[in-house]
Each structure stands twice: as structure tokens, then as C-alpha cells.
Protein backbone atom coordinates (compact mmCIF):
# COMPACT_ATOMS: atom_id res chain seq x y z
CA UNK A 1 106.94 58.94 83.21
CA UNK A 2 108.75 55.70 84.46
CA UNK A 3 106.31 52.83 85.47
CA UNK A 4 106.90 52.07 89.79
CA UNK A 5 107.90 48.31 90.13
CA UNK A 6 108.51 47.93 94.03
CA UNK A 7 107.36 51.09 96.05
CA UNK A 8 108.43 51.42 99.55
CA UNK A 9 107.22 53.96 102.54
CA UNK A 10 108.15 54.40 106.06
CA UNK A 11 108.81 56.43 109.04
CA UNK A 12 112.11 56.62 110.90
CA UNK A 13 111.61 56.24 114.52
CA UNK A 14 114.71 56.22 117.58
CA UNK A 15 114.44 52.35 117.46
CA UNK A 16 114.97 51.70 113.11
CA UNK A 17 118.18 54.32 113.90
CA UNK A 18 119.28 51.43 116.59
CA UNK A 19 118.48 48.90 114.67
CA UNK A 20 119.71 50.03 111.75
CA UNK A 21 123.17 51.32 113.48
CA UNK A 22 124.12 48.07 115.58
CA UNK A 23 123.21 45.57 113.79
CA UNK A 24 124.79 47.59 110.46
CA UNK A 25 126.59 51.03 110.50
CA UNK A 26 128.85 49.52 113.81
CA UNK A 27 128.03 46.36 113.71
CA UNK A 28 131.54 45.19 113.36
CA UNK A 29 133.33 48.49 115.10
CA UNK A 30 131.25 46.75 118.03
CA UNK A 31 132.82 43.18 117.20
CA UNK A 32 136.33 44.11 117.00
CA UNK A 33 136.30 46.15 120.34
CA UNK A 34 135.03 43.91 122.40
CA UNK A 35 137.42 41.27 121.72
CA UNK A 36 140.79 43.90 121.51
CA UNK A 37 138.96 44.88 125.49
CA UNK A 38 139.30 40.99 126.56
CA UNK A 39 142.09 40.43 124.39
CA UNK A 40 143.29 43.53 127.14
CA UNK A 41 142.11 41.76 130.06
CA UNK A 42 143.13 37.97 129.46
CA UNK A 43 146.64 39.34 128.54
CA UNK A 44 146.83 41.81 131.47
CA UNK A 45 146.35 38.61 133.86
CA UNK A 46 148.62 36.20 131.17
CA UNK A 47 151.81 38.27 131.33
CA UNK A 48 154.13 39.67 133.61
CA UNK A 49 156.01 42.68 132.64
CA UNK A 50 155.05 46.07 132.21
CA UNK A 51 153.07 45.82 129.24
CA UNK A 52 150.19 43.78 130.78
CA UNK A 53 149.34 48.06 132.01
CA UNK A 54 149.70 48.82 127.93
CA UNK A 55 146.88 45.99 127.68
CA UNK A 56 144.45 46.57 129.87
CA UNK A 57 144.56 49.98 129.68
CA UNK A 58 144.03 49.63 125.64
CA UNK A 59 141.43 47.14 126.57
CA UNK A 60 139.88 49.07 128.08
CA UNK A 61 140.09 51.63 125.63
CA UNK A 62 138.55 50.29 122.70
CA UNK A 63 136.06 48.51 124.80
CA UNK A 64 134.96 52.45 126.09
CA UNK A 65 134.44 53.73 122.41
CA UNK A 66 132.75 50.00 121.74
CA UNK A 67 130.35 50.80 123.95
CA UNK A 68 130.16 54.83 123.01
CA UNK A 69 130.74 55.15 120.12
CA UNK A 70 127.28 54.14 118.50
CA UNK A 71 124.73 55.64 121.30
CA UNK A 72 126.64 58.32 119.61
CA UNK A 73 126.31 57.76 116.28
CA UNK A 74 122.44 57.06 117.74
CA UNK A 75 122.06 60.60 118.20
CA UNK A 76 123.66 62.57 115.11
CA UNK A 77 121.71 60.26 112.85
CA UNK A 78 118.49 61.34 114.46
CA UNK A 79 119.95 65.93 114.83
CA UNK A 80 121.08 65.43 110.95
CA UNK A 81 117.36 63.69 110.05
CA UNK A 82 116.10 66.60 111.93
CA UNK A 83 118.24 68.86 110.50
CA UNK A 84 117.42 68.68 106.78
CA UNK A 85 114.05 68.33 108.04
CA UNK A 86 112.26 71.20 109.40
CA UNK A 87 112.86 69.47 113.61
CA UNK A 88 111.16 66.77 112.53
CA UNK A 89 111.20 63.32 110.79
CA UNK A 90 110.21 62.87 108.06
CA UNK A 91 108.19 59.77 105.57
CA UNK A 92 110.48 58.03 103.58
CA UNK A 93 109.38 57.30 99.67
CA UNK A 94 111.85 55.06 97.87
CA UNK A 95 110.77 53.98 94.08
CA UNK A 96 112.34 51.37 92.76
CA UNK A 97 112.37 50.97 88.34
CA UNK A 98 114.63 52.55 85.33
CA UNK A 99 116.64 53.72 89.54
CA UNK A 100 116.23 54.03 92.90
CA UNK A 101 114.71 57.47 93.72
CA UNK A 102 114.23 58.47 97.39
CA UNK A 103 112.58 61.22 99.11
CA UNK A 104 112.40 62.12 102.63
CA UNK A 105 110.89 66.15 103.19
CA UNK A 106 112.79 68.16 100.63
CA UNK A 107 115.89 66.13 100.63
CA UNK A 108 115.92 64.15 97.41
CA UNK A 109 118.13 61.00 96.08
CA UNK A 110 118.61 59.38 92.87
CA UNK A 111 120.75 56.05 93.13
CA UNK A 112 121.60 53.80 90.14
CA UNK A 113 121.42 50.15 91.10
CA UNK A 114 124.80 49.58 90.36
CA UNK A 115 126.15 51.73 93.10
CA UNK A 116 124.51 49.32 95.41
CA UNK A 117 127.30 46.56 97.19
CA UNK A 118 126.18 44.72 99.75
CA UNK A 119 122.54 43.38 100.07
CA UNK A 120 122.03 42.81 104.32
CA UNK A 121 119.12 42.14 106.50
CA UNK A 122 117.92 43.17 109.72
CA UNK A 123 114.26 42.36 111.88
CA UNK A 124 112.27 45.36 109.73
CA UNK A 125 114.66 46.55 107.26
CA UNK A 126 116.37 44.96 103.78
CA UNK A 127 119.80 47.04 103.78
CA UNK A 128 121.12 48.36 100.84
CA UNK A 129 124.93 49.04 101.15
CA UNK A 130 125.82 52.10 99.07
CA UNK A 131 129.85 51.77 100.90
CA UNK A 132 130.76 51.23 104.73
CA UNK A 133 128.90 54.28 106.03
CA UNK A 134 125.46 54.37 104.01
CA UNK A 135 123.04 52.81 102.69
CA UNK A 136 119.33 52.46 101.20
CA UNK A 137 117.30 51.35 104.21
CA UNK A 138 113.73 49.20 102.88
CA UNK A 139 111.24 48.88 105.49
CA UNK A 140 109.83 45.33 105.48
CA UNK A 141 107.16 45.92 106.18
CA UNK A 142 106.53 49.18 103.92
CA UNK A 143 105.94 48.39 100.28
CA UNK A 144 103.06 50.54 99.08
CA UNK A 145 103.56 48.41 95.02
CA UNK A 146 105.24 44.92 95.47
CA UNK A 147 106.40 43.00 98.25
CA UNK A 148 108.92 42.14 100.77
CA UNK A 149 109.87 38.45 98.97
CA UNK A 150 109.86 39.19 95.50
CA UNK A 151 111.98 42.67 96.12
CA UNK A 152 115.24 40.95 97.68
CA UNK A 153 114.78 38.53 94.54
CA UNK A 154 114.46 41.97 92.39
CA UNK A 155 117.38 43.20 93.76
CA UNK A 156 119.72 40.44 93.79
CA UNK A 157 119.29 40.74 89.56
CA UNK A 158 120.04 44.47 89.25
CA UNK A 159 123.18 44.15 91.68
CA UNK A 160 124.70 41.22 90.24
């Protein structure tokens, strides 16, 4: 059995899900959505033809999407987690050794370090992005083996 270099555990809650969705998963979409919304309004007032109505309509549609998509995403993540774990959110355990092993209730996932494409930080998490739509969330205060500061150095060395 391989030695655990770092071990992390936490129980996800609605505030943690919101943090992930608003600051990582949908951050780019929210930013672009609000920029297009503002541009639509500006173009509406600066253009003097029928196209100005198209601009304001497009701006409002994109702005509404930027507002509601994260709200819907938070709800979907919470529901999916509960669905996978018999109606409740289970504690997440992550072990870092030769590879990354993640257990949440009956869900078991394993990752190679080369699957991690980017490292981000939020208030509570070290986010190990494996794609644009998925990540391994490591709770900064959840280390039972190792420390967050040492982990960041460790993970950066592993993915270089």
C-alpha cells in the first residue's frame, strides 16, 4: 500500500458549492456576460438605427444568462451530489500519494497528476482543474496529513 503524502477531508455545503461555481466554474461566463450586457446598453444609446434594439435585446438576454446560470448550476451540483449519495451530501476524502484518490460516500475516483491542468485558489479551496468543467477541490483547512502551504508546493512540482 502506498504512503499517503497528503490527506484532505471536508463536507461540502451550499456556501462551498457557491464559492466553486461563482469563483471558478462560471467566473469567465459571468464576466463576459456582464461585459456584453453593458456593451448592449451602451450601443443602444449610441446607435441611431434599428440595430440598437437588437443590441439591447442581446445584452439583456446575455445578462440574464450570466445572472441565472450560476444559480442553476449551484442547484444542479447540490442535487447531483445528493443523488449519488442516497439523498445526502457525504464527506469527501482525498489522498495524495502516487496518484490522487478521492472518495465521497460510495463514489470513488482516481486521477493521475498529469490530468491536473491548472491550480487556482479561492477563499476556502485549492482548486485542481482537470478541465474547464471539472476540478478536484482541496479544502485549505481540511488537511489531516500535511499542511496547505506544503501541499501547494507539492502539487506544483507534480504537474510541471
